[in-house]
PDB file of all heavy atoms in Angstrom:
ATOM      1  N   GLY A   1     -40.566  59.049  67.484  1.00  0.00           N
ATOM      2  CA  GLY A   1     -40.694  58.777  68.911  1.00  0.00           C
ATOM      3  C   GLY A   1     -41.895  59.483  69.512  1.00  0.00           C
ATOM      4  O   GLY A   1     -42.162  60.646  69.200  1.00  0.00           O
ATOM      5  N   ILE A   2     -42.613  58.770  70.392  1.00  0.00           N
ATOM      6  CA  ILE A   2     -43.779  59.344  71.071  1.00  0.00           C
ATOM      7  C   ILE A   2     -43.365  59.895  72.434  1.00  0.00           C
ATOM      8  O   ILE A   2     -43.574  61.066  72.740  1.00  0.00           O
ATOM      9  CB  ILE A   2     -44.890  58.290  71.226  1.00  0.00           C
ATOM     10  CG1 ILE A   2     -45.347  57.808  69.837  1.00  0.00           C
ATOM     11  CG2 ILE A   2     -46.076  58.867  71.997  1.00  0.00           C
ATOM     12  CD1 ILE A   2     -46.373  56.704  69.882  1.00  0.00           C
ATOM     13  N   VAL A   3     -42.800  59.025  73.269  1.00  0.00           N
ATOM     14  CA  VAL A   3     -42.333  59.457  74.588  1.00  0.00           C
ATOM     15  C   VAL A   3     -40.884  59.927  74.496  1.00  0.00           C
ATOM     16  O   VAL A   3     -40.556  61.060  74.831  1.00  0.00           O
ATOM     17  CB  VAL A   3     -42.475  58.319  75.614  1.00  0.00           C
ATOM     18  CG1 VAL A   3     -41.951  58.762  76.974  1.00  0.00           C
ATOM     19  CG2 VAL A   3     -43.931  57.872  75.720  1.00  0.00           C
ATOM     20  N   GLY A   4     -40.014  59.038  74.041  1.00  0.00           N
ATOM     21  CA  GLY A   4     -38.627  59.430  73.783  1.00  0.00           C
ATOM     22  C   GLY A   4     -38.506  59.972  72.376  1.00  0.00           C
ATOM     23  O   GLY A   4     -39.497  60.267  71.704  1.00  0.00           O
ATOM     24  N   ARG A   5     -37.294  60.094  71.929  1.00  0.00           N
ATOM     25  CA  ARG A   5     -37.075  60.580  70.570  1.00  0.00           C
ATOM     26  C   ARG A   5     -35.875  59.871  69.960  1.00  0.00           C
ATOM     27  O   ARG A   5     -34.943  59.478  70.657  1.00  0.00           O
ATOM     28  CB  ARG A   5     -36.850  62.086  70.541  1.00  0.00           C
ATOM     29  CG  ARG A   5     -35.516  62.521  71.149  1.00  0.00           C
ATOM     30  CD  ARG A   5     -35.315  64.012  71.040  1.00  0.00           C
ATOM     31  NE  ARG A   5     -34.008  64.425  71.533  1.00  0.00           N
ATOM     32  CZ  ARG A   5     -33.589  65.680  71.593  1.00  0.00           C
ATOM     33  NH1 ARG A   5     -34.384  66.643  71.184  1.00  0.00           N
ATOM     34  NH2 ARG A   5     -32.372  65.975  72.043  1.00  0.00           N
ATOM     35  N   ARG A   6     -35.907  59.734  68.660  1.00  0.00           N
ATOM     36  CA  ARG A   6     -34.809  59.136  67.905  1.00  0.00           C
ATOM     37  C   ARG A   6     -34.625  59.951  66.643  1.00  0.00           C
ATOM     38  O   ARG A   6     -35.587  60.172  65.896  1.00  0.00           O
ATOM     39  CB  ARG A   6     -35.117  57.678  67.568  1.00  0.00           C
ATOM     40  CG  ARG A   6     -34.030  56.983  66.749  1.00  0.00           C
ATOM     41  CD  ARG A   6     -34.337  55.497  66.599  1.00  0.00           C
ATOM     42  NE  ARG A   6     -33.300  54.807  65.858  1.00  0.00           N
ATOM     43  CZ  ARG A   6     -33.350  54.560  64.553  1.00  0.00           C
ATOM     44  NH1 ARG A   6     -34.392  54.965  63.838  1.00  0.00           N
ATOM     45  NH2 ARG A   6     -32.365  53.907  63.949  1.00  0.00           N
ATOM     46  N   VAL A   7     -33.403  60.403  66.412  1.00  0.00           N
ATOM     47  CA  VAL A   7     -33.108  61.224  65.248  1.00  0.00           C
ATOM     48  C   VAL A   7     -32.061  60.519  64.392  1.00  0.00           C
ATOM     49  O   VAL A   7     -30.984  60.169  64.886  1.00  0.00           O
ATOM     50  CB  VAL A   7     -32.593  62.623  65.654  1.00  0.00           C
ATOM     51  CG1 VAL A   7     -32.250  63.441  64.408  1.00  0.00           C
ATOM     52  CG2 VAL A   7     -33.632  63.353  66.493  1.00  0.00           C
ATOM     53  N   VAL A   8     -32.385  60.294  63.138  1.00  0.00           N
ATOM     54  CA  VAL A   8     -31.454  59.721  62.172  1.00  0.00           C
ATOM     55  C   VAL A   8     -31.070  60.824  61.198  1.00  0.00           C
ATOM     56  O   VAL A   8     -31.940  61.475  60.607  1.00  0.00           O
ATOM     57  CB  VAL A   8     -32.078  58.529  61.425  1.00  0.00           C
ATOM     58  CG1 VAL A   8     -31.103  57.975  60.400  1.00  0.00           C
ATOM     59  CG2 VAL A   8     -32.488  57.440  62.411  1.00  0.00           C
ATOM     60  N   ARG A   9     -29.779  61.028  61.032  1.00  0.00           N
ATOM     61  CA  ARG A   9     -29.279  62.131  60.198  1.00  0.00           C
ATOM     62  C   ARG A   9     -28.316  61.586  59.151  1.00  0.00           C
ATOM     63  O   ARG A   9     -27.413  60.812  59.472  1.00  0.00           O
ATOM     64  CB  ARG A   9     -28.580  63.168  61.087  1.00  0.00           C
ATOM     65  CG  ARG A   9     -27.999  64.380  60.342  1.00  0.00           C
ATOM     66  CD  ARG A   9     -27.370  65.324  61.359  1.00  0.00           C
ATOM     67  NE  ARG A   9     -26.592  66.383  60.746  1.00  0.00           N
ATOM     68  CZ  ARG A   9     -27.066  67.574  60.402  1.00  0.00           C
ATOM     69  NH1 ARG A   9     -28.337  67.849  60.646  1.00  0.00           N
ATOM     70  NH2 ARG A   9     -26.294  68.494  59.848  1.00  0.00           N
ATOM     71  N   ALA A  10     -28.522  61.978  57.923  1.00  0.00           N
ATOM     72  CA  ALA A  10     -27.655  61.563  56.819  1.00  0.00           C
ATOM     73  C   ALA A  10     -27.118  62.814  56.126  1.00  0.00           C
ATOM     74  O   ALA A  10     -27.897  63.666  55.697  1.00  0.00           O
ATOM     75  CB  ALA A  10     -28.414  60.694  55.829  1.00  0.00           C
ATOM     76  N   ARG A  11     -25.800  62.904  56.026  1.00  0.00           N
ATOM     77  CA  ARG A  11     -25.188  64.043  55.352  1.00  0.00           C
ATOM     78  C   ARG A  11     -25.422  63.944  53.843  1.00  0.00           C
ATOM     79  O   ARG A  11     -25.224  62.890  53.237  1.00  0.00           O
ATOM     80  CB  ARG A  11     -23.692  64.084  55.647  1.00  0.00           C
ATOM     81  CG  ARG A  11     -23.362  64.375  57.100  1.00  0.00           C
ATOM     82  CD  ARG A  11     -21.897  64.171  57.365  1.00  0.00           C
ATOM     83  NE  ARG A  11     -21.053  64.920  56.421  1.00  0.00           N
ATOM     84  CZ  ARG A  11     -19.743  64.764  56.315  1.00  0.00           C
ATOM     85  NH1 ARG A  11     -19.119  63.857  57.052  1.00  0.00           N
ATOM     86  NH2 ARG A  11     -19.057  65.488  55.456  1.00  0.00           N
ATOM     87  N   LEU A  12     -25.824  65.043  53.242  1.00  0.00           N
ATOM     88  CA  LEU A  12     -26.092  65.034  51.802  1.00  0.00           C
ATOM     89  C   LEU A  12     -24.824  64.780  50.997  1.00  0.00           C
ATOM     90  O   LEU A  12     -24.892  64.242  49.892  1.00  0.00           O
ATOM     91  CB  LEU A  12     -26.722  66.369  51.380  1.00  0.00           C
ATOM     92  CG  LEU A  12     -28.114  66.676  51.948  1.00  0.00           C
ATOM     93  CD1 LEU A  12     -28.654  67.955  51.349  1.00  0.00           C
ATOM     94  CD2 LEU A  12     -29.074  65.527  51.719  1.00  0.00           C
ATOM     95  N   SER A  13     -23.668  65.167  51.535  1.00  0.00           N
ATOM     96  CA  SER A  13     -22.422  64.926  50.817  1.00  0.00           C
ATOM     97  C   SER A  13     -22.100  63.441  50.717  1.00  0.00           C
ATOM     98  O   SER A  13     -21.283  63.038  49.890  1.00  0.00           O
ATOM     99  CB  SER A  13     -21.266  65.647  51.514  1.00  0.00           C
ATOM    100  OG  SER A  13     -21.107  65.192  52.851  1.00  0.00           O
ATOM    101  N   MET A  14     -22.741  62.620  51.565  1.00  0.00           N
ATOM    102  CA  MET A  14     -22.492  61.182  51.559  1.00  0.00           C
ATOM    103  C   MET A  14     -23.578  60.401  50.812  1.00  0.00           C
ATOM    104  O   MET A  14     -23.518  59.180  50.745  1.00  0.00           O
ATOM    105  CB  MET A  14     -22.404  60.667  52.996  1.00  0.00           C
ATOM    106  CG  MET A  14     -21.337  61.351  53.848  1.00  0.00           C
ATOM    107  SD  MET A  14     -19.685  61.145  53.164  1.00  0.00           S
ATOM    108  CE  MET A  14     -19.460  59.379  53.417  1.00  0.00           C
ATOM    109  N   VAL A  15     -24.569  61.088  50.266  1.00  0.00           N
ATOM    110  CA  VAL A  15     -25.661  60.409  49.564  1.00  0.00           C
ATOM    111  C   VAL A  15     -25.142  59.828  48.252  1.00  0.00           C
ATOM    112  O   VAL A  15     -24.582  60.535  47.420  1.00  0.00           O
ATOM    113  CB  VAL A  15     -26.823  61.380  49.298  1.00  0.00           C
ATOM    114  CG1 VAL A  15     -27.861  60.732  48.387  1.00  0.00           C
ATOM    115  CG2 VAL A  15     -27.470  61.793  50.615  1.00  0.00           C
ATOM    116  N   GLU A  16     -25.306  58.521  48.085  1.00  0.00           N
ATOM    117  CA  GLU A  16     -24.865  57.840  46.873  1.00  0.00           C
ATOM    118  C   GLU A  16     -25.991  57.707  45.851  1.00  0.00           C
ATOM    119  O   GLU A  16     -25.751  57.629  44.661  1.00  0.00           O
ATOM    120  CB  GLU A  16     -24.320  56.454  47.221  1.00  0.00           C
ATOM    121  CG  GLU A  16     -23.097  56.481  48.133  1.00  0.00           C
ATOM    122  CD  GLU A  16     -22.613  55.092  48.487  1.00  0.00           C
ATOM    123  OE1 GLU A  16     -23.333  54.117  48.169  1.00  0.00           O
ATOM    124  OE2 GLU A  16     -21.528  54.969  49.075  1.00  0.00           O
ATOM    125  N   ASN A  17     -27.223  57.663  46.350  1.00  0.00           N
ATOM    126  CA  ASN A  17     -28.353  57.511  45.435  1.00  0.00           C
ATOM    127  C   ASN A  17     -29.602  58.055  46.122  1.00  0.00           C
ATOM    128  O   ASN A  17     -29.755  57.934  47.335  1.00  0.00           O
ATOM    129  CB  ASN A  17     -28.556  56.039  45.070  1.00  0.00           C
ATOM    130  CG  ASN A  17     -29.649  55.862  44.037  1.00  0.00           C
ATOM    131  OD1 ASN A  17     -29.779  56.666  43.106  1.00  0.00           O
ATOM    132  ND2 ASN A  17     -30.467  54.837  44.191  1.00  0.00           N
ATOM    133  N   SER A  18     -30.469  58.663  45.358  1.00  0.00           N
ATOM    134  CA  SER A  18     -31.742  59.148  45.887  1.00  0.00           C
ATOM    135  C   SER A  18     -32.832  58.872  44.865  1.00  0.00           C
ATOM    136  O   SER A  18     -32.586  58.919  43.659  1.00  0.00           O
ATOM    137  CB  SER A  18     -31.670  60.647  46.211  1.00  0.00           C
ATOM    138  OG  SER A  18     -31.397  61.393  45.044  1.00  0.00           O
ATOM    139  N   ALA A  19     -34.017  58.587  45.370  1.00  0.00           N
ATOM    140  CA  ALA A  19     -35.131  58.258  44.487  1.00  0.00           C
ATOM    141  C   ALA A  19     -36.442  58.516  45.213  1.00  0.00           C
ATOM    142  O   ALA A  19     -36.471  58.672  46.439  1.00  0.00           O
ATOM    143  CB  ALA A  19     -35.049  56.798  44.045  1.00  0.00           C
ATOM    144  N   TYR A  20     -37.508  58.566  44.447  1.00  0.00           N
ATOM    145  CA  TYR A  20     -38.836  58.663  45.059  1.00  0.00           C
ATOM    146  C   TYR A  20     -39.756  57.663  44.376  1.00  0.00           C
ATOM    147  O   TYR A  20     -39.555  57.299  43.213  1.00  0.00           O
ATOM    148  CB  TYR A  20     -39.401  60.086  44.949  1.00  0.00           C
ATOM    149  CG  TYR A  20     -39.917  60.464  43.581  1.00  0.00           C
ATOM    150  CD1 TYR A  20     -41.263  60.304  43.245  1.00  0.00           C
ATOM    151  CD2 TYR A  20     -39.065  60.985  42.604  1.00  0.00           C
ATOM    152  CE1 TYR A  20     -41.737  60.646  41.998  1.00  0.00           C
ATOM    153  CE2 TYR A  20     -39.528  61.334  41.360  1.00  0.00           C
ATOM    154  CZ  TYR A  20     -40.877  61.169  41.057  1.00  0.00           C
ATOM    155  OH  TYR A  20     -41.348  61.505  39.811  1.00  0.00           O
ATOM    156  N   GLU A  21     -40.734  57.202  45.112  1.00  0.00           N
ATOM    157  CA  GLU A  21     -41.695  56.259  44.563  1.00  0.00           C
ATOM    158  C   GLU A  21     -43.093  56.612  45.029  1.00  0.00           C
ATOM    159  O   GLU A  21     -43.277  57.144  46.127  1.00  0.00           O
ATOM    160  CB  GLU A  21     -41.339  54.823  44.976  1.00  0.00           C
ATOM    161  CG  GLU A  21     -41.308  54.583  46.472  1.00  0.00           C
ATOM    162  CD  GLU A  21     -40.950  53.142  46.807  1.00  0.00           C
ATOM    163  OE1 GLU A  21     -40.936  52.329  45.875  1.00  0.00           O
ATOM    164  OE2 GLU A  21     -40.712  52.849  47.993  1.00  0.00           O
ATOM    165  N   GLN A  22     -44.060  56.314  44.185  1.00  0.00           N
ATOM    166  CA  GLN A  22     -45.458  56.588  44.482  1.00  0.00           C
ATOM    167  C   GLN A  22     -46.295  55.371  44.135  1.00  0.00           C
ATOM    168  O   GLN A  22     -46.107  54.762  43.074  1.00  0.00           O
ATOM    169  CB  GLN A  22     -45.954  57.804  43.688  1.00  0.00           C
ATOM    170  CG  GLN A  22     -45.322  59.117  44.089  1.00  0.00           C
ATOM    171  CD  GLN A  22     -45.814  60.273  43.243  1.00  0.00           C
ATOM    172  OE1 GLN A  22     -45.412  60.402  42.080  1.00  0.00           O
ATOM    173  NE2 GLN A  22     -46.689  61.100  43.802  1.00  0.00           N
ATOM    174  N   SER A  23     -47.207  55.023  45.019  1.00  0.00           N
ATOM    175  CA  SER A  23     -48.175  53.977  44.720  1.00  0.00           C
ATOM    176  C   SER A  23     -49.264  54.556  43.825  1.00  0.00           C
ATOM    177  O   SER A  23     -49.224  55.734  43.437  1.00  0.00           O
ATOM    178  CB  SER A  23     -48.773  53.435  46.019  1.00  0.00           C
ATOM    179  OG  SER A  23     -49.462  54.471  46.705  1.00  0.00           O
ATOM    180  N   VAL A  24     -50.244  53.720  43.494  1.00  0.00           N
ATOM    181  CA  VAL A  24     -51.342  54.200  42.651  1.00  0.00           C
ATOM    182  C   VAL A  24     -52.094  55.326  43.349  1.00  0.00           C
ATOM    183  O   VAL A  24     -52.365  56.384  42.770  1.00  0.00           O
ATOM    184  CB  VAL A  24     -52.296  53.035  42.306  1.00  0.00           C
ATOM    185  CG1 VAL A  24     -53.501  53.554  41.528  1.00  0.00           C
ATOM    186  CG2 VAL A  24     -51.562  51.966  41.511  1.00  0.00           C
ATOM    187  N   THR A  25     -52.424  55.114  44.623  1.00  0.00           N
ATOM    188  CA  THR A  25     -53.122  56.166  45.363  1.00  0.00           C
ATOM    189  C   THR A  25     -52.205  57.368  45.589  1.00  0.00           C
ATOM    190  O   THR A  25     -52.667  58.510  45.605  1.00  0.00           O
ATOM    191  CB  THR A  25     -53.609  55.623  46.712  1.00  0.00           C
ATOM    192  OG1 THR A  25     -52.486  55.064  47.436  1.00  0.00           O
ATOM    193  CG2 THR A  25     -54.663  54.552  46.521  1.00  0.00           C
ATOM    194  N   GLY A  26     -50.907  57.110  45.761  1.00  0.00           N
ATOM    195  CA  GLY A  26     -49.982  58.224  45.916  1.00  0.00           C
ATOM    196  C   GLY A  26     -49.923  59.099  44.688  1.00  0.00           C
ATOM    197  O   GLY A  26     -49.835  60.326  44.784  1.00  0.00           O
ATOM    198  N   SER A  27     -49.975  58.483  43.510  1.00  0.00           N
ATOM    199  CA  SER A  27     -49.984  59.257  42.268  1.00  0.00           C
ATOM    200  C   SER A  27     -51.264  60.070  42.132  1.00  0.00           C
ATOM    201  O   SER A  27     -51.246  61.197  41.628  1.00  0.00           O
ATOM    202  CB  SER A  27     -49.824  58.316  41.073  1.00  0.00           C
ATOM    203  OG  SER A  27     -48.598  57.615  41.123  1.00  0.00           O
ATOM    204  N   LEU A  28     -52.379  59.502  42.609  1.00  0.00           N
ATOM    205  CA  LEU A  28     -53.659  60.203  42.520  1.00  0.00           C
ATOM    206  C   LEU A  28     -53.730  61.385  43.469  1.00  0.00           C
ATOM    207  O   LEU A  28     -54.259  62.447  43.117  1.00  0.00           O
ATOM    208  CB  LEU A  28     -54.813  59.239  42.804  1.00  0.00           C
ATOM    209  CG  LEU A  28     -55.069  58.147  41.755  1.00  0.00           C
ATOM    210  CD1 LEU A  28     -56.146  57.190  42.237  1.00  0.00           C
ATOM    211  CD2 LEU A  28     -55.471  58.774  40.419  1.00  0.00           C
TER     212      LEU A  28
END
């Protein structure tokens, strides 16, 4: 948010799956 704000919160105890991804430039 720029003027207002928005917060999204996820409890770690409820996480079913987690992953990370990188593009070609991200890997570099």
